[in-house]
Amino acid sequence: KTQYASRIGCTGGSCGAANILGSKFLGENALDYTGISLENIGRSFKQSTAKQTLAIGTPYYGSSDIGRVYLVFGDTSSNMNDDYDLSDLVSDSVGSTIDGENAGDYFGFSIENISSFIGGDSLPEFLIGAPGYDNSSDTDAGIVYIIESCDDSSSSCGSYKGKGVSSDISDTAFGSFIGENASGHAGFSLAGIG
């Protein structure tokens, strides 16, 4: 299991003990490679405060490497302890999970915050790469999914964007970019360029 140390509950200069979201997140299964990608995706998905959301990629999650991304919400620090097991994330209602579509997609291999690219509403959007995705006859062409953020006041917030919810990417993505060629592995790495 992979561990990740975090202080994303901090806002501004106030990073006292009460503001620490959790010092270590523990992966669910051996060889999931939890934390191979990490991204602060900003305030998103029905958070009532300005605290941040941490996205944790786990591309080898599941017996067939479908992949999973954990979204840990920064306004729920009181429900966390120093060694927090991500298997409790949904049942404790302190975050949500998004799973990939297909075996061998390696969903969550890369994650990138792209800052209000779509909605113009000051809420960030983010990208999730799945470089093992097969496009028709093009094996391992890869795909990049666009996830649109929302807040409590938005009618576009689906139930899958709330705390304590598990969903898969086919229900969650705003759109996607699919790789052109076999073994192209689109989504292997991502970067916002401003």
C-alpha atoms as a PDB file:
ATOM      1  CA  LYS A   1       0.000   0.000   0.000  1.00  0.00           C
ATOM      2  CA  THR A   2       1.168   3.495  -0.785  1.00  0.00           C
ATOM      3  CA  GLN A   3       1.169   6.298   1.752  1.00  0.00           C
ATOM      4  CA  TYR A   4       0.912   9.991   0.992  1.00  0.00           C
ATOM      5  CA  ALA A   5       1.551  12.797   3.459  1.00  0.00           C
ATOM      6  CA  SER A   6      -0.718  15.802   3.082  1.00  0.00           C
ATOM      7  CA  ARG A   7      -1.461  19.240   4.484  1.00  0.00           C
ATOM      8  CA  ILE A   8      -4.067  20.288   1.919  1.00  0.00           C
ATOM      9  CA  GLY A   9      -6.476  21.270   4.692  1.00  0.00           C
ATOM     10  CA  CYS A  10      -4.351  24.379   5.280  1.00  0.00           C
ATOM     11  CA  THR A  11      -5.614  27.707   3.971  1.00  0.00           C
ATOM     12  CA  GLY A  12      -3.332  30.701   3.735  1.00  0.00           C
ATOM     13  CA  GLY A  13      -0.857  30.775   6.606  1.00  0.00           C
ATOM     14  CA  SER A  14      -3.013  28.874   9.100  1.00  0.00           C
ATOM     15  CA  CYS A  15      -1.581  25.369   9.092  1.00  0.00           C
ATOM     16  CA  GLY A  16      -2.014  24.430  12.732  1.00  0.00           C
ATOM     17  CA  ALA A  17      -2.977  20.933  13.881  1.00  0.00           C
ATOM     18  CA  ALA A  18      -6.675  21.664  13.483  1.00  0.00           C
ATOM     19  CA  ASN A  19      -6.163  22.492   9.813  1.00  0.00           C
ATOM     20  CA  ILE A  20      -4.264  19.362   8.823  1.00  0.00           C
ATOM     21  CA  LEU A  21      -6.511  17.151   6.743  1.00  0.00           C
ATOM     22  CA  GLY A  22      -4.490  14.016   7.383  1.00  0.00           C
ATOM     23  CA  SER A  23      -0.831  13.163   7.508  1.00  0.00           C
ATOM     24  CA  LYS A  24      -0.981   9.869   5.604  1.00  0.00           C
ATOM     25  CA  PHE A  25      -3.460   8.286   3.221  1.00  0.00           C
ATOM     26  CA  LEU A  26      -3.220   4.508   2.932  1.00  0.00           C
ATOM     27  CA  GLY A  27      -4.066   2.706  -0.311  1.00  0.00           C
ATOM     28  CA  GLU A  28      -6.643  -0.066  -0.403  1.00  0.00           C
ATOM     29  CA  ASN A  29      -4.757  -2.930  -2.046  1.00  0.00           C
ATOM     30  CA  ALA A  30      -1.262  -4.175  -2.707  1.00  0.00           C
ATOM     31  CA  LEU A  31       0.119  -3.094  -6.107  1.00  0.00           C
ATOM     32  CA  ASP A  32      -2.568  -0.443  -6.686  1.00  0.00           C
ATOM     33  CA  TYR A  33       0.195   2.197  -6.826  1.00  0.00           C
ATOM     34  CA  THR A  34      -1.916   4.694  -4.927  1.00  0.00           C
ATOM     35  CA  GLY A  35      -0.477   8.184  -5.282  1.00  0.00           C
ATOM     36  CA  ILE A  36       1.371   7.647  -8.567  1.00  0.00           C
ATOM     37  CA  SER A  37      -0.336  10.908  -9.539  1.00  0.00           C
ATOM     38  CA  LEU A  38      -1.446  13.683  -7.186  1.00  0.00           C
ATOM     39  CA  GLU A  39      -3.068  17.020  -7.849  1.00  0.00           C
ATOM     40  CA  ASN A  40      -4.630  19.810  -5.835  1.00  0.00           C
ATOM     41  CA  ILE A  41      -7.731  20.425  -7.935  1.00  0.00           C
ATOM     42  CA  GLY A  42      -8.954  23.410  -5.953  1.00  0.00           C
ATOM     43  CA  ARG A  43     -12.384  23.997  -4.490  1.00  0.00           C
ATOM     44  CA  SER A  44     -14.719  21.676  -6.308  1.00  0.00           C
ATOM     45  CA  PHE A  45     -17.552  19.176  -6.065  1.00  0.00           C
ATOM     46  CA  LYS A  46     -20.016  20.708  -3.608  1.00  0.00           C
ATOM     47  CA  GLN A  47     -17.574  21.959  -1.011  1.00  0.00           C
ATOM     48  CA  SER A  48     -19.087  24.630   1.200  1.00  0.00           C
ATOM     49  CA  THR A  49     -15.757  26.274   2.076  1.00  0.00           C
ATOM     50  CA  ALA A  50     -12.763  27.576   0.173  1.00  0.00           C
ATOM     51  CA  LYS A  51     -10.588  24.653   1.194  1.00  0.00           C
ATOM     52  CA  GLN A  52      -9.019  22.484  -1.451  1.00  0.00           C
ATOM     53  CA  THR A  53      -9.602  19.024  -2.918  1.00  0.00           C
ATOM     54  CA  LEU A  54      -6.822  16.495  -3.344  1.00  0.00           C
ATOM     55  CA  ALA A  55      -7.076  14.043  -6.264  1.00  0.00           C
ATOM     56  CA  ILE A  56      -5.082  10.831  -5.777  1.00  0.00           C
ATOM     57  CA  GLY A  57      -4.510   8.611  -8.811  1.00  0.00           C
ATOM     58  CA  THR A  58      -4.409   4.820  -8.479  1.00  0.00           C
ATOM     59  CA  PRO A  59      -3.980   3.510 -12.038  1.00  0.00           C
ATOM     60  CA  TYR A  60      -3.517  -0.156 -11.135  1.00  0.00           C
ATOM     61  CA  TYR A  61      -6.641  -0.335  -8.974  1.00  0.00           C
ATOM     62  CA  GLY A  62      -8.760  -3.454  -9.451  1.00  0.00           C
ATOM     63  CA  SER A  63      -7.814  -6.953 -10.533  1.00  0.00           C
ATOM     64  CA  SER A  64      -7.673  -5.836 -14.171  1.00  0.00           C
ATOM     65  CA  ASP A  65      -6.032  -2.396 -13.744  1.00  0.00           C
ATOM     66  CA  ILE A  66      -9.140  -0.339 -14.480  1.00  0.00           C
ATOM     67  CA  GLY A  67      -7.827   2.439 -12.233  1.00  0.00           C
ATOM     68  CA  ARG A  68      -9.394   4.761  -9.665  1.00  0.00           C
ATOM     69  CA  VAL A  69      -9.104   8.393  -8.569  1.00  0.00           C
ATOM     70  CA  TYR A  70      -9.854   9.354  -4.963  1.00  0.00           C
ATOM     71  CA  LEU A  71     -11.138  12.885  -4.288  1.00  0.00           C
ATOM     72  CA  VAL A  72     -10.383  13.926  -0.714  1.00  0.00           C
ATOM     73  CA  PHE A  73     -12.278  17.053   0.328  1.00  0.00           C
ATOM     74  CA  GLY A  74     -10.475  19.641   2.427  1.00  0.00           C
ATOM     75  CA  ASP A  75     -13.538  20.740   4.395  1.00  0.00           C
ATOM     76  CA  THR A  76     -13.803  17.435   6.228  1.00  0.00           C
ATOM     77  CA  SER A  77     -10.625  17.435   8.315  1.00  0.00           C
ATOM     78  CA  SER A  78     -12.434  16.602  11.548  1.00  0.00           C
ATOM     79  CA  ASN A  79     -13.281  13.161  10.141  1.00  0.00           C
ATOM     80  CA  MET A  80      -9.673  12.236   9.377  1.00  0.00           C
ATOM     81  CA  ASN A  81      -6.865  10.925  11.528  1.00  0.00           C
ATOM     82  CA  ASP A  82      -3.104  10.678  11.051  1.00  0.00           C
ATOM     83  CA  ASP A  83      -3.242   7.342   9.173  1.00  0.00           C
ATOM     84  CA  TYR A  84      -6.376   7.412   7.030  1.00  0.00           C
ATOM     85  CA  ASP A  85      -7.350   4.361   4.985  1.00  0.00           C
ATOM     86  CA  LEU A  86      -8.787   5.386   1.614  1.00  0.00           C
ATOM     87  CA  SER A  87     -11.094   2.373   1.670  1.00  0.00           C
ATOM     88  CA  ASP A  88     -13.171   4.376   4.214  1.00  0.00           C
ATOM     89  CA  LEU A  89     -13.370   7.545   2.108  1.00  0.00           C
ATOM     90  CA  VAL A  90     -16.877   6.972   0.736  1.00  0.00           C
ATOM     91  CA  SER A  91     -18.430   5.358   3.802  1.00  0.00           C
ATOM     92  CA  ASP A  92     -17.119   8.210   5.997  1.00  0.00           C
ATOM     93  CA  SER A  93     -18.519  10.769   3.513  1.00  0.00           C
ATOM     94  CA  VAL A  94     -15.265  12.716   3.394  1.00  0.00           C
ATOM     95  CA  GLY A  95     -14.684  12.361  -0.335  1.00  0.00           C
ATOM     96  CA  SER A  96     -15.630  10.387  -3.411  1.00  0.00           C
ATOM     97  CA  THR A  97     -14.151   7.990  -5.930  1.00  0.00           C
ATOM     98  CA  ILE A  98     -14.186   7.814  -9.718  1.00  0.00           C
ATOM     99  CA  ASP A  99     -13.335   4.533 -11.465  1.00  0.00           C
ATOM    100  CA  GLY A 100     -12.108   3.977 -15.018  1.00  0.00           C
ATOM    101  CA  GLU A 101     -14.124   2.387 -17.793  1.00  0.00           C
ATOM    102  CA  ASN A 102     -12.232  -0.682 -18.986  1.00  0.00           C
ATOM    103  CA  ALA A 103      -9.701  -3.283 -17.959  1.00  0.00           C
ATOM    104  CA  GLY A 104      -6.150  -2.136 -18.672  1.00  0.00           C
ATOM    105  CA  ASP A 105      -7.038   1.562 -19.014  1.00  0.00           C
ATOM    106  CA  TYR A 106      -4.771   2.618 -16.106  1.00  0.00           C
ATOM    107  CA  PHE A 107      -7.227   5.405 -15.311  1.00  0.00           C
ATOM    108  CA  GLY A 108      -5.670   7.983 -12.991  1.00  0.00           C
ATOM    109  CA  PHE A 109      -2.138   7.593 -14.302  1.00  0.00           C
ATOM    110  CA  SER A 110      -2.017  11.389 -14.608  1.00  0.00           C
ATOM    111  CA  ILE A 111      -4.140  14.230 -13.192  1.00  0.00           C
ATOM    112  CA  GLU A 112      -3.967  17.958 -13.939  1.00  0.00           C
ATOM    113  CA  ASN A 113      -5.874  21.013 -12.710  1.00  0.00           C
ATOM    114  CA  ILE A 114      -6.713  23.255 -15.692  1.00  0.00           C
ATOM    115  CA  SER A 115      -8.357  26.167 -13.831  1.00  0.00           C
ATOM    116  CA  SER A 116     -11.806  27.158 -15.053  1.00  0.00           C
ATOM    117  CA  PHE A 117     -11.114  26.135 -18.648  1.00  0.00           C
ATOM    118  CA  ILE A 118     -14.751  25.416 -19.456  1.00  0.00           C
ATOM    119  CA  GLY A 119     -17.333  27.090 -17.272  1.00  0.00           C
ATOM    120  CA  GLY A 120     -15.897  30.556 -16.699  1.00  0.00           C
ATOM    121  CA  ASP A 121     -17.299  30.271 -13.170  1.00  0.00           C
ATOM    122  CA  SER A 122     -14.034  30.480 -11.149  1.00  0.00           C
ATOM    123  CA  LEU A 123     -14.321  26.794 -10.242  1.00  0.00           C
ATOM    124  CA  PRO A 124     -11.508  24.627 -11.589  1.00  0.00           C
ATOM    125  CA  GLU A 125     -11.811  21.817 -14.075  1.00  0.00           C
ATOM    126  CA  PHE A 126      -9.336  18.979 -14.166  1.00  0.00           C
ATOM    127  CA  LEU A 127      -8.061  16.273 -16.494  1.00  0.00           C
ATOM    128  CA  ILE A 128      -7.535  12.565 -15.814  1.00  0.00           C
ATOM    129  CA  GLY A 129      -5.410  10.427 -18.115  1.00  0.00           C
ATOM    130  CA  ALA A 130      -5.947   6.751 -18.938  1.00  0.00           C
ATOM    131  CA  PRO A 131      -3.066   5.827 -21.271  1.00  0.00           C
ATOM    132  CA  GLY A 132      -4.108   2.186 -21.692  1.00  0.00           C
ATOM    133  CA  TYR A 133      -7.514   3.005 -23.192  1.00  0.00           C
ATOM    134  CA  ASP A 134      -8.283   1.192 -26.470  1.00  0.00           C
ATOM    135  CA  ASN A 135      -9.837   3.298 -29.228  1.00  0.00           C
ATOM    136  CA  SER A 136     -11.677   0.838 -31.444  1.00  0.00           C
ATOM    137  CA  SER A 137      -8.895  -1.149 -33.151  1.00  0.00           C
ATOM    138  CA  ASP A 138      -6.151   1.131 -31.800  1.00  0.00           C
ATOM    139  CA  THR A 139      -4.865  -0.691 -28.715  1.00  0.00           C
ATOM    140  CA  ASP A 140      -3.458   1.588 -26.002  1.00  0.00           C
ATOM    141  CA  ALA A 141      -4.339   4.767 -27.908  1.00  0.00           C
ATOM    142  CA  GLY A 142      -5.102   6.414 -24.567  1.00  0.00           C
ATOM    143  CA  ILE A 143      -7.682   8.959 -23.485  1.00  0.00           C
ATOM    144  CA  VAL A 144      -7.860  12.151 -21.425  1.00  0.00           C
ATOM    145  CA  TYR A 145     -11.112  12.945 -19.595  1.00  0.00           C
ATOM    146  CA  ILE A 146     -12.309  16.455 -18.701  1.00  0.00           C
ATOM    147  CA  ILE A 147     -14.066  16.766 -15.332  1.00  0.00           C
ATOM    148  CA  GLU A 148     -16.135  19.899 -14.739  1.00  0.00           C
ATOM    149  CA  SER A 149     -16.371  21.272 -11.199  1.00  0.00           C
ATOM    150  CA  CYS A 150     -19.455  22.710  -9.565  1.00  0.00           C
ATOM    151  CA  ASP A 151     -20.601  24.022  -6.202  1.00  0.00           C
ATOM    152  CA  ASP A 152     -23.688  23.643  -4.025  1.00  0.00           C
ATOM    153  CA  SER A 153     -25.516  26.473  -5.737  1.00  0.00           C
ATOM    154  CA  SER A 154     -25.130  24.994  -9.222  1.00  0.00           C
ATOM    155  CA  SER A 155     -27.976  23.048 -10.810  1.00  0.00           C
ATOM    156  CA  SER A 156     -25.381  21.190 -12.885  1.00  0.00           C
ATOM    157  CA  CYS A 157     -24.081  19.329  -9.829  1.00  0.00           C
ATOM    158  CA  GLY A 158     -24.938  15.685 -10.299  1.00  0.00           C
ATOM    159  CA  SER A 159     -25.325  13.408  -7.284  1.00  0.00           C
ATOM    160  CA  TYR A 160     -22.048  11.705  -8.253  1.00  0.00           C
ATOM    161  CA  LYS A 161     -20.187  14.907  -7.394  1.00  0.00           C
ATOM    162  CA  GLY A 162     -21.079  14.839  -3.712  1.00  0.00           C
ATOM    163  CA  LYS A 163     -19.338  13.410  -0.692  1.00  0.00           C
ATOM    164  CA  GLY A 164     -19.634   9.723  -0.005  1.00  0.00           C
ATOM    165  CA  VAL A 165     -20.290   8.802  -3.642  1.00  0.00           C
ATOM    166  CA  SER A 166     -18.643   6.227  -5.894  1.00  0.00           C
ATOM    167  CA  SER A 167     -19.038   6.631  -9.639  1.00  0.00           C
ATOM    168  CA  ASP A 168     -17.300   5.692 -12.831  1.00  0.00           C
ATOM    169  CA  ILE A 169     -15.877   8.054 -15.385  1.00  0.00           C
ATOM    170  CA  SER A 170     -18.568   7.342 -17.992  1.00  0.00           C
ATOM    171  CA  ASP A 171     -21.072   9.057 -15.632  1.00  0.00           C
ATOM    172  CA  THR A 172     -18.759  11.870 -14.591  1.00  0.00           C
ATOM    173  CA  ALA A 173     -16.739  13.228 -17.523  1.00  0.00           C
ATOM    174  CA  PHE A 174     -17.721  16.436 -19.310  1.00  0.00           C
ATOM    175  CA  GLY A 175     -15.809  15.318 -22.392  1.00  0.00           C
ATOM    176  CA  SER A 176     -12.652  13.571 -23.535  1.00  0.00           C
ATOM    177  CA  PHE A 177      -9.707  13.623 -25.924  1.00  0.00           C
ATOM    178  CA  ILE A 178      -8.963  10.212 -27.475  1.00  0.00           C
ATOM    179  CA  GLY A 179      -5.523   9.288 -28.768  1.00  0.00           C
ATOM    180  CA  GLU A 180      -5.013   8.911 -32.509  1.00  0.00           C
ATOM    181  CA  ASN A 181      -2.772   5.891 -32.856  1.00  0.00           C
ATOM    182  CA  ALA A 182      -2.218   2.454 -31.382  1.00  0.00           C
ATOM    183  CA  SER A 183       0.332   2.524 -28.542  1.00  0.00           C
ATOM    184  CA  GLY A 184       0.136   6.317 -28.504  1.00  0.00           C
ATOM    185  CA  HIS A 185      -0.731   6.273 -24.777  1.00  0.00           C
ATOM    186  CA  ALA A 186      -2.484   9.651 -24.728  1.00  0.00           C
ATOM    187  CA  GLY A 187      -2.838  10.767 -21.123  1.00  0.00           C
ATOM    188  CA  PHE A 188       0.482   9.290 -20.005  1.00  0.00           C
ATOM    189  CA  SER A 189       1.377  12.787 -18.797  1.00  0.00           C
ATOM    190  CA  LEU A 190      -0.589  16.023 -18.528  1.00  0.00           C
ATOM    191  CA  ALA A 191       0.367  19.660 -17.994  1.00  0.00           C
ATOM    192  CA  GLY A 192      -1.589  22.904 -17.817  1.00  0.00           C
ATOM    193  CA  ILE A 193       0.201  25.628 -19.779  1.00  0.00           C
ATOM    194  CA  GLY A 194      -1.755  28.656 -18.611  1.00  0.00           C
END
